[in-house]
N, C-alpha and C. Protein backbone atom coordinates (compact mmCIF):
# COMPACT_ATOMS: atom_id res chain seq x y z
N ASP A 1 11.09 -34.09 25.38
CA ASP A 1 11.55 -34.47 24.05
C ASP A 1 10.90 -33.54 23.03
N PRO A 2 11.68 -32.67 22.41
CA PRO A 2 11.08 -31.72 21.47
C PRO A 2 10.70 -32.31 20.12
N GLY A 3 11.15 -33.51 19.81
CA GLY A 3 10.82 -34.11 18.51
C GLY A 3 11.43 -33.33 17.37
N ASP A 4 10.99 -33.59 16.15
CA ASP A 4 11.53 -32.92 14.97
C ASP A 4 10.99 -31.51 14.78
N ASP A 5 9.85 -31.19 15.36
CA ASP A 5 9.24 -29.88 15.15
C ASP A 5 9.39 -28.95 16.34
N GLY A 6 9.91 -29.44 17.44
CA GLY A 6 9.94 -28.63 18.65
C GLY A 6 8.62 -28.78 19.38
N ARG A 7 8.56 -28.26 20.56
CA ARG A 7 7.34 -28.34 21.38
C ARG A 7 7.10 -26.98 22.02
N SER A 8 5.85 -26.68 22.28
CA SER A 8 5.53 -25.44 22.98
C SER A 8 4.35 -25.67 23.91
N ALA A 9 4.27 -24.80 24.88
CA ALA A 9 3.14 -24.79 25.82
C ALA A 9 2.84 -23.33 26.10
N SER A 10 1.60 -23.03 26.43
CA SER A 10 1.24 -21.64 26.71
C SER A 10 0.39 -21.55 27.96
N THR A 11 0.41 -20.37 28.52
CA THR A 11 -0.41 -20.07 29.69
C THR A 11 -0.72 -18.58 29.66
N TYR A 12 -1.62 -18.16 30.49
CA TYR A 12 -1.99 -16.76 30.55
C TYR A 12 -1.63 -16.19 31.91
N THR A 13 -1.16 -14.96 31.89
CA THR A 13 -0.96 -14.20 33.11
C THR A 13 -2.04 -13.13 33.12
N PRO A 14 -2.15 -12.34 34.18
CA PRO A 14 -3.17 -11.28 34.18
C PRO A 14 -3.01 -10.27 33.04
N THR A 15 -1.79 -10.14 32.50
CA THR A 15 -1.56 -9.12 31.48
C THR A 15 -1.24 -9.65 30.09
N CYS A 16 -0.88 -10.94 29.98
CA CYS A 16 -0.48 -11.42 28.66
C CYS A 16 -0.52 -12.94 28.57
N LYS A 17 -0.38 -13.40 27.35
CA LYS A 17 -0.24 -14.84 27.09
C LYS A 17 1.25 -15.14 27.01
N VAL A 18 1.68 -16.21 27.62
CA VAL A 18 3.08 -16.62 27.60
C VAL A 18 3.19 -17.96 26.88
N ILE A 19 4.06 -18.00 25.88
CA ILE A 19 4.32 -19.23 25.14
C ILE A 19 5.78 -19.60 25.38
N VAL A 20 6.03 -20.81 25.80
CA VAL A 20 7.38 -21.31 26.00
C VAL A 20 7.60 -22.43 25.00
N GLY A 21 8.68 -22.34 24.25
CA GLY A 21 8.96 -23.36 23.25
C GLY A 21 10.35 -23.91 23.38
N VAL A 22 10.52 -25.13 22.94
CA VAL A 22 11.82 -25.79 22.90
C VAL A 22 12.06 -26.23 21.46
N LEU A 23 13.17 -25.80 20.91
CA LEU A 23 13.50 -26.17 19.54
C LEU A 23 13.98 -27.61 19.49
N PRO A 24 13.90 -28.25 18.32
CA PRO A 24 14.36 -29.63 18.21
C PRO A 24 15.88 -29.71 18.38
N GLU A 25 16.36 -30.91 18.54
CA GLU A 25 17.80 -31.13 18.66
C GLU A 25 18.49 -30.66 17.38
N PRO A 26 19.72 -30.15 17.49
CA PRO A 26 20.42 -29.64 16.30
C PRO A 26 20.63 -30.68 15.22
N CYS A 27 20.63 -31.96 15.56
CA CYS A 27 20.88 -32.98 14.56
C CYS A 27 19.61 -33.42 13.84
N SER A 28 18.50 -32.75 14.11
CA SER A 28 17.25 -33.11 13.46
C SER A 28 17.40 -33.05 11.95
N ARG A 29 16.80 -33.97 11.27
CA ARG A 29 16.96 -34.06 9.81
C ARG A 29 16.32 -32.88 9.08
N HIS A 30 15.45 -32.13 9.73
CA HIS A 30 14.75 -31.04 9.07
C HIS A 30 15.34 -29.67 9.33
N ASN A 31 16.36 -29.57 10.13
CA ASN A 31 16.82 -28.26 10.55
C ASN A 31 18.32 -28.09 10.43
N THR A 32 18.71 -26.84 10.28
CA THR A 32 20.11 -26.48 10.32
C THR A 32 20.55 -26.50 11.78
N PRO A 33 21.84 -26.39 12.06
CA PRO A 33 22.27 -26.37 13.46
C PRO A 33 21.62 -25.25 14.28
N SER A 34 21.26 -24.14 13.63
CA SER A 34 20.61 -23.04 14.36
C SER A 34 19.17 -23.36 14.73
N ARG A 35 18.55 -24.28 14.02
CA ARG A 35 17.16 -24.69 14.21
C ARG A 35 16.16 -23.56 13.96
N ALA A 36 16.60 -22.54 13.24
CA ALA A 36 15.73 -21.38 12.98
C ALA A 36 14.50 -21.75 12.16
N THR A 37 14.57 -22.81 11.37
CA THR A 37 13.42 -23.20 10.55
C THR A 37 12.27 -23.74 11.39
N SER A 38 12.51 -24.04 12.65
CA SER A 38 11.44 -24.50 13.55
C SER A 38 10.67 -23.35 14.18
N LEU A 39 11.21 -22.15 14.11
CA LEU A 39 10.57 -21.02 14.77
C LEU A 39 9.16 -20.71 14.26
N PRO A 40 8.88 -20.78 12.95
CA PRO A 40 7.51 -20.47 12.51
C PRO A 40 6.45 -21.34 13.18
N ARG A 41 6.72 -22.61 13.33
CA ARG A 41 5.73 -23.49 13.98
C ARG A 41 5.55 -23.15 15.45
N LEU A 42 6.64 -22.82 16.12
CA LEU A 42 6.56 -22.51 17.55
C LEU A 42 5.91 -21.15 17.83
N LEU A 43 6.09 -20.22 16.90
CA LEU A 43 5.59 -18.86 17.12
C LEU A 43 4.30 -18.55 16.39
N LYS A 44 3.72 -19.55 15.77
CA LYS A 44 2.50 -19.33 14.99
C LYS A 44 1.43 -18.63 15.84
N GLY A 45 0.98 -17.51 15.35
CA GLY A 45 -0.07 -16.77 16.03
C GLY A 45 0.39 -15.93 17.20
N ALA A 46 1.68 -15.91 17.49
CA ALA A 46 2.16 -15.18 18.67
C ALA A 46 1.85 -13.69 18.60
N SER A 47 1.94 -13.10 17.42
CA SER A 47 1.70 -11.66 17.33
C SER A 47 0.57 -11.35 16.36
N ALA A 48 -0.36 -12.24 16.24
CA ALA A 48 -1.42 -12.07 15.25
C ALA A 48 -2.23 -10.80 15.46
N ARG A 49 -2.47 -10.42 16.68
CA ARG A 49 -3.35 -9.28 16.91
C ARG A 49 -2.78 -8.20 17.81
N LYS A 50 -1.76 -8.52 18.58
CA LYS A 50 -1.28 -7.59 19.58
C LYS A 50 0.24 -7.50 19.56
N ASP A 51 0.74 -6.53 20.30
CA ASP A 51 2.17 -6.45 20.52
C ASP A 51 2.63 -7.71 21.24
N CYS A 52 3.88 -8.11 21.00
CA CYS A 52 4.38 -9.29 21.69
C CYS A 52 5.87 -9.16 21.93
N GLY A 53 6.36 -9.97 22.81
CA GLY A 53 7.78 -10.04 23.10
C GLY A 53 8.25 -11.47 22.93
N VAL A 54 9.46 -11.64 22.41
CA VAL A 54 10.03 -12.96 22.19
C VAL A 54 11.44 -12.97 22.78
N LEU A 55 11.72 -13.95 23.58
CA LEU A 55 13.06 -14.15 24.13
C LEU A 55 13.58 -15.47 23.59
N LEU A 56 14.68 -15.40 22.83
CA LEU A 56 15.30 -16.61 22.30
C LEU A 56 16.59 -16.85 23.07
N VAL A 57 16.68 -18.00 23.69
CA VAL A 57 17.89 -18.38 24.41
C VAL A 57 18.64 -19.37 23.52
N LEU A 58 19.80 -18.94 23.05
CA LEU A 58 20.57 -19.71 22.09
C LEU A 58 21.66 -20.53 22.79
N THR A 59 21.87 -21.73 22.30
CA THR A 59 22.96 -22.55 22.84
C THR A 59 24.30 -22.17 22.23
N ASP A 60 24.27 -21.40 21.11
CA ASP A 60 25.48 -20.97 20.44
C ASP A 60 25.24 -19.57 19.89
N ALA A 61 26.04 -18.59 20.32
CA ALA A 61 25.85 -17.22 19.87
C ALA A 61 26.05 -17.07 18.37
N GLU A 62 26.75 -18.01 17.73
CA GLU A 62 26.95 -17.98 16.28
C GLU A 62 25.63 -18.16 15.53
N HIS A 63 24.61 -18.62 16.19
CA HIS A 63 23.31 -18.84 15.55
C HIS A 63 22.40 -17.61 15.61
N ALA A 64 22.90 -16.51 16.13
CA ALA A 64 22.06 -15.32 16.33
C ALA A 64 21.48 -14.78 15.03
N LEU A 65 22.28 -14.69 13.98
CA LEU A 65 21.78 -14.14 12.72
C LEU A 65 20.68 -15.03 12.14
N ALA A 66 20.92 -16.34 12.13
CA ALA A 66 19.90 -17.26 11.61
C ALA A 66 18.64 -17.20 12.47
N ALA A 67 18.81 -17.10 13.77
CA ALA A 67 17.65 -17.03 14.67
C ALA A 67 16.87 -15.74 14.46
N ALA A 68 17.58 -14.62 14.30
CA ALA A 68 16.90 -13.34 14.07
C ALA A 68 16.11 -13.36 12.76
N CYS A 69 16.70 -13.93 11.71
CA CYS A 69 16.01 -14.03 10.42
C CYS A 69 14.83 -15.00 10.51
N GLY A 70 15.02 -16.12 11.19
CA GLY A 70 13.93 -17.07 11.37
C GLY A 70 12.78 -16.47 12.16
N LEU A 71 13.12 -15.71 13.19
CA LEU A 71 12.10 -15.02 13.99
C LEU A 71 11.37 -13.99 13.14
N ALA A 72 12.11 -13.24 12.35
CA ALA A 72 11.49 -12.21 11.50
C ALA A 72 10.49 -12.83 10.52
N ARG A 73 10.83 -13.97 9.96
CA ARG A 73 9.92 -14.62 9.01
C ARG A 73 8.75 -15.29 9.73
N SER A 74 8.94 -15.63 10.98
CA SER A 74 7.89 -16.32 11.74
C SER A 74 6.72 -15.42 12.10
N LEU A 75 6.94 -14.13 12.10
CA LEU A 75 5.91 -13.18 12.50
C LEU A 75 5.57 -12.29 11.31
N PRO A 76 4.73 -12.76 10.40
CA PRO A 76 4.46 -12.04 9.15
C PRO A 76 3.79 -10.69 9.38
N THR A 77 4.04 -9.79 8.44
CA THR A 77 3.43 -8.46 8.51
C THR A 77 2.14 -8.39 7.70
N TYR A 78 1.87 -9.39 6.88
CA TYR A 78 0.66 -9.39 6.05
C TYR A 78 -0.19 -10.60 6.37
N SER A 79 -1.48 -10.37 6.46
CA SER A 79 -2.43 -11.47 6.63
C SER A 79 -3.62 -11.21 5.72
N ALA A 80 -3.99 -12.19 4.95
CA ALA A 80 -5.14 -12.04 4.05
C ALA A 80 -6.46 -12.14 4.81
N THR A 81 -6.44 -12.73 5.99
CA THR A 81 -7.70 -12.94 6.71
C THR A 81 -8.04 -11.83 7.68
N THR A 82 -7.06 -11.11 8.16
CA THR A 82 -7.34 -10.03 9.11
C THR A 82 -6.50 -8.81 8.78
N ARG A 83 -7.02 -7.69 9.13
CA ARG A 83 -6.29 -6.42 8.98
C ARG A 83 -6.02 -5.92 10.40
N ASN A 84 -4.87 -6.32 10.92
CA ASN A 84 -4.59 -6.05 12.32
C ASN A 84 -3.98 -4.69 12.59
N GLY A 85 -3.55 -3.99 11.57
CA GLY A 85 -2.89 -2.73 11.81
C GLY A 85 -1.48 -2.96 12.33
N GLU A 86 -0.91 -1.91 12.82
CA GLU A 86 0.46 -1.97 13.32
C GLU A 86 0.52 -2.61 14.70
N HIS A 87 1.51 -3.42 14.91
CA HIS A 87 1.81 -3.93 16.23
C HIS A 87 3.32 -4.14 16.32
N THR A 88 3.81 -4.18 17.53
CA THR A 88 5.24 -4.24 17.77
C THR A 88 5.66 -5.61 18.26
N VAL A 89 6.76 -6.09 17.72
CA VAL A 89 7.37 -7.32 18.19
C VAL A 89 8.71 -6.93 18.81
N THR A 90 8.88 -7.20 20.08
CA THR A 90 10.12 -6.93 20.77
C THR A 90 10.84 -8.25 20.97
N ALA A 91 12.08 -8.31 20.53
CA ALA A 91 12.82 -9.57 20.61
C ALA A 91 14.15 -9.35 21.33
N ALA A 92 14.54 -10.35 22.06
CA ALA A 92 15.85 -10.36 22.71
C ALA A 92 16.48 -11.73 22.48
N LEU A 93 17.76 -11.73 22.18
CA LEU A 93 18.48 -12.97 21.97
C LEU A 93 19.58 -13.08 23.02
N LEU A 94 19.59 -14.19 23.69
CA LEU A 94 20.61 -14.46 24.70
C LEU A 94 21.45 -15.63 24.26
N GLY A 95 22.76 -15.44 24.31
CA GLY A 95 23.68 -16.53 24.04
C GLY A 95 24.18 -17.09 25.36
N PRO A 96 25.09 -18.04 25.31
CA PRO A 96 25.61 -18.62 26.54
C PRO A 96 26.26 -17.60 27.48
N GLY A 97 26.80 -16.50 26.91
CA GLY A 97 27.46 -15.49 27.73
C GLY A 97 26.61 -14.27 28.03
N GLY A 98 25.33 -14.29 27.70
CA GLY A 98 24.46 -13.14 27.94
C GLY A 98 23.87 -12.62 26.65
N PRO A 99 23.44 -11.35 26.64
CA PRO A 99 22.81 -10.79 25.44
C PRO A 99 23.74 -10.87 24.23
N VAL A 100 23.16 -11.16 23.08
CA VAL A 100 23.92 -11.27 21.84
C VAL A 100 24.28 -9.87 21.36
N ALA A 101 25.53 -9.69 20.97
CA ALA A 101 26.02 -8.40 20.49
C ALA A 101 25.63 -8.21 19.02
N ASP A 102 26.02 -7.07 18.47
CA ASP A 102 25.80 -6.75 17.06
C ASP A 102 24.31 -6.64 16.74
N THR A 103 23.56 -6.00 17.62
CA THR A 103 22.11 -5.91 17.43
C THR A 103 21.74 -5.07 16.21
N ASP A 104 22.57 -4.10 15.82
CA ASP A 104 22.25 -3.32 14.62
C ASP A 104 22.21 -4.21 13.39
N ARG A 105 23.17 -5.11 13.28
CA ARG A 105 23.21 -6.05 12.15
C ARG A 105 22.00 -6.98 12.18
N LEU A 106 21.64 -7.46 13.36
CA LEU A 106 20.50 -8.36 13.49
C LEU A 106 19.20 -7.64 13.15
N ARG A 107 19.07 -6.40 13.61
CA ARG A 107 17.85 -5.62 13.29
C ARG A 107 17.73 -5.38 11.79
N ALA A 108 18.85 -5.02 11.15
CA ALA A 108 18.83 -4.76 9.70
C ALA A 108 18.46 -6.02 8.93
N ALA A 109 19.03 -7.15 9.31
CA ALA A 109 18.71 -8.42 8.65
C ALA A 109 17.24 -8.77 8.85
N ALA A 110 16.75 -8.61 10.07
CA ALA A 110 15.35 -8.93 10.36
C ALA A 110 14.41 -8.00 9.59
N ALA A 111 14.76 -6.72 9.50
CA ALA A 111 13.92 -5.78 8.74
C ALA A 111 13.88 -6.17 7.27
N GLY A 112 15.01 -6.59 6.72
CA GLY A 112 15.05 -7.03 5.32
C GLY A 112 14.20 -8.27 5.09
N VAL A 113 14.27 -9.21 6.02
CA VAL A 113 13.46 -10.43 5.91
C VAL A 113 11.98 -10.09 6.00
N ARG A 114 11.61 -9.20 6.91
CA ARG A 114 10.20 -8.83 7.07
C ARG A 114 9.68 -8.10 5.84
N LEU A 115 10.49 -7.24 5.24
CA LEU A 115 10.08 -6.56 4.02
C LEU A 115 9.89 -7.57 2.89
N ALA A 116 10.86 -8.45 2.72
CA ALA A 116 10.75 -9.47 1.67
C ALA A 116 9.54 -10.37 1.90
N ALA A 117 9.31 -10.75 3.15
CA ALA A 117 8.15 -11.59 3.46
C ALA A 117 6.84 -10.87 3.15
N HIS A 118 6.78 -9.59 3.47
CA HIS A 118 5.56 -8.81 3.18
C HIS A 118 5.31 -8.77 1.67
N LEU A 119 6.37 -8.57 0.89
CA LEU A 119 6.21 -8.53 -0.56
C LEU A 119 5.78 -9.89 -1.09
N VAL A 120 6.37 -10.96 -0.59
CA VAL A 120 6.03 -12.31 -1.04
C VAL A 120 4.61 -12.68 -0.63
N ASP A 121 4.20 -12.30 0.58
CA ASP A 121 2.89 -12.68 1.09
C ASP A 121 1.74 -11.84 0.52
N SER A 122 2.04 -10.67 -0.02
CA SER A 122 1.00 -9.80 -0.56
C SER A 122 0.46 -10.35 -1.87
N PRO A 123 -0.85 -10.40 -2.03
CA PRO A 123 -1.42 -10.90 -3.29
C PRO A 123 -1.22 -9.89 -4.42
N PRO A 124 -1.19 -10.36 -5.66
CA PRO A 124 -0.90 -9.47 -6.79
C PRO A 124 -1.97 -8.41 -7.03
N ASN A 125 -3.18 -8.59 -6.53
CA ASN A 125 -4.17 -7.53 -6.71
C ASN A 125 -3.90 -6.35 -5.78
N GLU A 126 -3.10 -6.55 -4.73
CA GLU A 126 -2.70 -5.47 -3.84
C GLU A 126 -1.30 -4.97 -4.15
N LEU A 127 -0.39 -5.89 -4.42
CA LEU A 127 0.98 -5.51 -4.76
C LEU A 127 1.14 -5.63 -6.27
N THR A 128 0.58 -4.67 -6.96
CA THR A 128 0.70 -4.62 -8.42
C THR A 128 2.13 -4.24 -8.77
N THR A 129 2.48 -4.32 -10.04
CA THR A 129 3.83 -3.90 -10.44
C THR A 129 4.05 -2.43 -10.13
N SER A 130 3.02 -1.60 -10.29
CA SER A 130 3.16 -0.18 -9.98
C SER A 130 3.41 0.03 -8.49
N ALA A 131 2.68 -0.70 -7.65
CA ALA A 131 2.88 -0.59 -6.20
C ALA A 131 4.26 -1.11 -5.81
N PHE A 132 4.72 -2.17 -6.48
CA PHE A 132 6.05 -2.71 -6.20
C PHE A 132 7.13 -1.70 -6.56
N VAL A 133 7.00 -1.05 -7.70
CA VAL A 133 7.97 -0.04 -8.12
C VAL A 133 7.99 1.11 -7.11
N ASP A 134 6.81 1.55 -6.67
CA ASP A 134 6.75 2.62 -5.66
C ASP A 134 7.44 2.19 -4.37
N ARG A 135 7.20 0.96 -3.97
CA ARG A 135 7.82 0.43 -2.74
C ARG A 135 9.34 0.37 -2.88
N ALA A 136 9.81 -0.09 -4.04
CA ALA A 136 11.25 -0.17 -4.29
C ALA A 136 11.89 1.21 -4.29
N ARG A 137 11.20 2.19 -4.86
CA ARG A 137 11.73 3.56 -4.83
C ARG A 137 11.84 4.08 -3.40
N GLY A 138 10.85 3.76 -2.58
CA GLY A 138 10.89 4.16 -1.19
C GLY A 138 12.06 3.52 -0.44
N VAL A 139 12.29 2.24 -0.70
CA VAL A 139 13.42 1.54 -0.06
C VAL A 139 14.73 2.15 -0.52
N ALA A 140 14.88 2.37 -1.82
CA ALA A 140 16.12 2.92 -2.35
C ALA A 140 16.40 4.31 -1.78
N SER A 141 15.36 5.13 -1.64
CA SER A 141 15.58 6.48 -1.12
C SER A 141 15.92 6.49 0.37
N SER A 142 15.58 5.42 1.07
CA SER A 142 15.86 5.37 2.51
C SER A 142 17.25 4.82 2.83
N LEU A 143 17.96 4.32 1.83
CA LEU A 143 19.27 3.72 2.05
C LEU A 143 20.36 4.56 1.42
N ASP A 144 21.45 4.74 2.14
CA ASP A 144 22.58 5.50 1.61
C ASP A 144 23.30 4.70 0.53
N GLY A 145 23.65 5.37 -0.55
CA GLY A 145 24.45 4.75 -1.59
C GLY A 145 23.73 3.75 -2.46
N VAL A 146 22.41 3.71 -2.41
CA VAL A 146 21.65 2.77 -3.22
C VAL A 146 20.96 3.53 -4.35
N SER A 147 21.20 3.09 -5.57
CA SER A 147 20.53 3.70 -6.71
C SER A 147 19.48 2.72 -7.22
N ILE A 148 18.56 3.24 -7.98
CA ILE A 148 17.49 2.40 -8.52
C ILE A 148 17.34 2.67 -10.01
N GLU A 149 17.11 1.60 -10.74
CA GLU A 149 16.78 1.69 -12.16
C GLU A 149 15.52 0.89 -12.37
N VAL A 150 14.53 1.50 -13.01
CA VAL A 150 13.27 0.82 -13.30
C VAL A 150 13.14 0.70 -14.81
N ILE A 151 13.01 -0.52 -15.28
CA ILE A 151 12.78 -0.78 -16.70
C ILE A 151 11.33 -1.24 -16.78
N GLN A 152 10.51 -0.46 -17.48
CA GLN A 152 9.07 -0.70 -17.42
C GLN A 152 8.44 -0.60 -18.79
N GLY A 153 7.35 -1.34 -18.96
CA GLY A 153 6.58 -1.28 -20.20
C GLY A 153 7.38 -1.76 -21.39
N LYS A 154 7.24 -1.06 -22.52
CA LYS A 154 7.90 -1.48 -23.76
C LYS A 154 9.42 -1.38 -23.70
N ASP A 155 9.94 -0.62 -22.73
CA ASP A 155 11.39 -0.57 -22.55
C ASP A 155 11.96 -1.96 -22.25
N LEU A 156 11.16 -2.80 -21.60
CA LEU A 156 11.61 -4.17 -21.33
C LEU A 156 11.90 -4.91 -22.63
N LEU A 157 11.01 -4.80 -23.58
CA LEU A 157 11.17 -5.47 -24.87
C LEU A 157 12.40 -4.92 -25.60
N GLU A 158 12.55 -3.61 -25.60
CA GLU A 158 13.65 -2.96 -26.31
C GLU A 158 15.00 -3.29 -25.68
N ARG A 159 15.03 -3.60 -24.40
CA ARG A 159 16.30 -3.87 -23.71
C ARG A 159 16.58 -5.36 -23.54
N GLY A 160 15.79 -6.21 -24.22
CA GLY A 160 16.08 -7.63 -24.24
C GLY A 160 15.37 -8.46 -23.19
N TYR A 161 14.36 -7.91 -22.54
CA TYR A 161 13.58 -8.65 -21.55
C TYR A 161 12.22 -9.02 -22.11
N GLY A 162 12.25 -9.70 -23.27
CA GLY A 162 11.02 -10.05 -23.97
C GLY A 162 10.11 -10.97 -23.16
N GLY A 163 10.70 -11.84 -22.35
CA GLY A 163 9.89 -12.74 -21.53
C GLY A 163 9.04 -11.98 -20.53
N LEU A 164 9.66 -11.02 -19.83
CA LEU A 164 8.89 -10.21 -18.87
C LEU A 164 7.82 -9.38 -19.59
N TRP A 165 8.20 -8.82 -20.72
CA TRP A 165 7.25 -8.03 -21.49
C TRP A 165 6.09 -8.91 -21.96
N GLY A 166 6.40 -10.08 -22.49
CA GLY A 166 5.37 -10.97 -23.02
C GLY A 166 4.39 -11.44 -21.96
N VAL A 167 4.87 -11.73 -20.76
CA VAL A 167 4.00 -12.21 -19.68
C VAL A 167 3.13 -11.08 -19.13
N GLY A 168 3.69 -9.89 -19.03
CA GLY A 168 2.96 -8.82 -18.35
C GLY A 168 2.30 -7.78 -19.22
N LYS A 169 2.46 -7.86 -20.52
CA LYS A 169 1.98 -6.77 -21.39
C LYS A 169 0.46 -6.59 -21.38
N ALA A 170 -0.29 -7.61 -21.07
CA ALA A 170 -1.76 -7.49 -21.07
C ALA A 170 -2.31 -7.01 -19.74
N SER A 171 -1.47 -6.84 -18.75
CA SER A 171 -1.91 -6.43 -17.45
C SER A 171 -2.35 -4.97 -17.42
N GLU A 172 -3.22 -4.66 -16.48
CA GLU A 172 -3.64 -3.27 -16.26
C GLU A 172 -2.45 -2.42 -15.83
N HIS A 173 -1.51 -3.02 -15.10
CA HIS A 173 -0.29 -2.32 -14.68
C HIS A 173 0.87 -2.86 -15.51
N PRO A 174 1.66 -1.97 -16.13
CA PRO A 174 2.71 -2.45 -17.02
C PRO A 174 3.75 -3.26 -16.28
N PRO A 175 4.34 -4.26 -16.97
CA PRO A 175 5.38 -5.07 -16.33
C PRO A 175 6.59 -4.19 -16.04
N ALA A 176 7.37 -4.58 -15.03
CA ALA A 176 8.53 -3.78 -14.64
C ALA A 176 9.62 -4.66 -14.09
N LEU A 177 10.84 -4.23 -14.27
CA LEU A 177 12.01 -4.84 -13.67
C LEU A 177 12.71 -3.75 -12.85
N VAL A 178 12.93 -4.02 -11.60
CA VAL A 178 13.58 -3.06 -10.70
C VAL A 178 14.97 -3.57 -10.39
N VAL A 179 15.96 -2.70 -10.60
CA VAL A 179 17.35 -3.03 -10.29
C VAL A 179 17.82 -2.04 -9.24
N LEU A 180 18.20 -2.57 -8.06
CA LEU A 180 18.75 -1.71 -7.00
C LEU A 180 20.26 -1.87 -6.99
């Protein structure tokens, strides 16, 4: 019985730790039919320090996108308590008929979720507005057909963004609005 949060158990092999989890029933009051919102609890700490692999066996291939995004958010890239460096998460999704197709779309969605999660999880003393603008410029330059506009400093006030200007004007780093 997986309950409302799902259940997991772990064991060790000579080369790795293995965690097996069962997601809650689709009708659970806390989850969508994909049950992707249960993944963070089941995968907590799975890739905290080392490379890891995750195999998700889906009861419905239509849930692949939600599962990929849930998995991406479950394995954060930023931790305030440890500096783990780079590590790799390898994921495979299996539907009732075998491996889930459209992996390029799933990878792109997962990468977007991981980037957004990193930005959200980063504290403001590390992700200053200047660092955010630099990061946005890097993202824009890596994507085809994406342009970037940065409205920064007093330009915010002049262009009608007085609220952003008023909140950020006393900061060491000038306030900014990034439009991709």
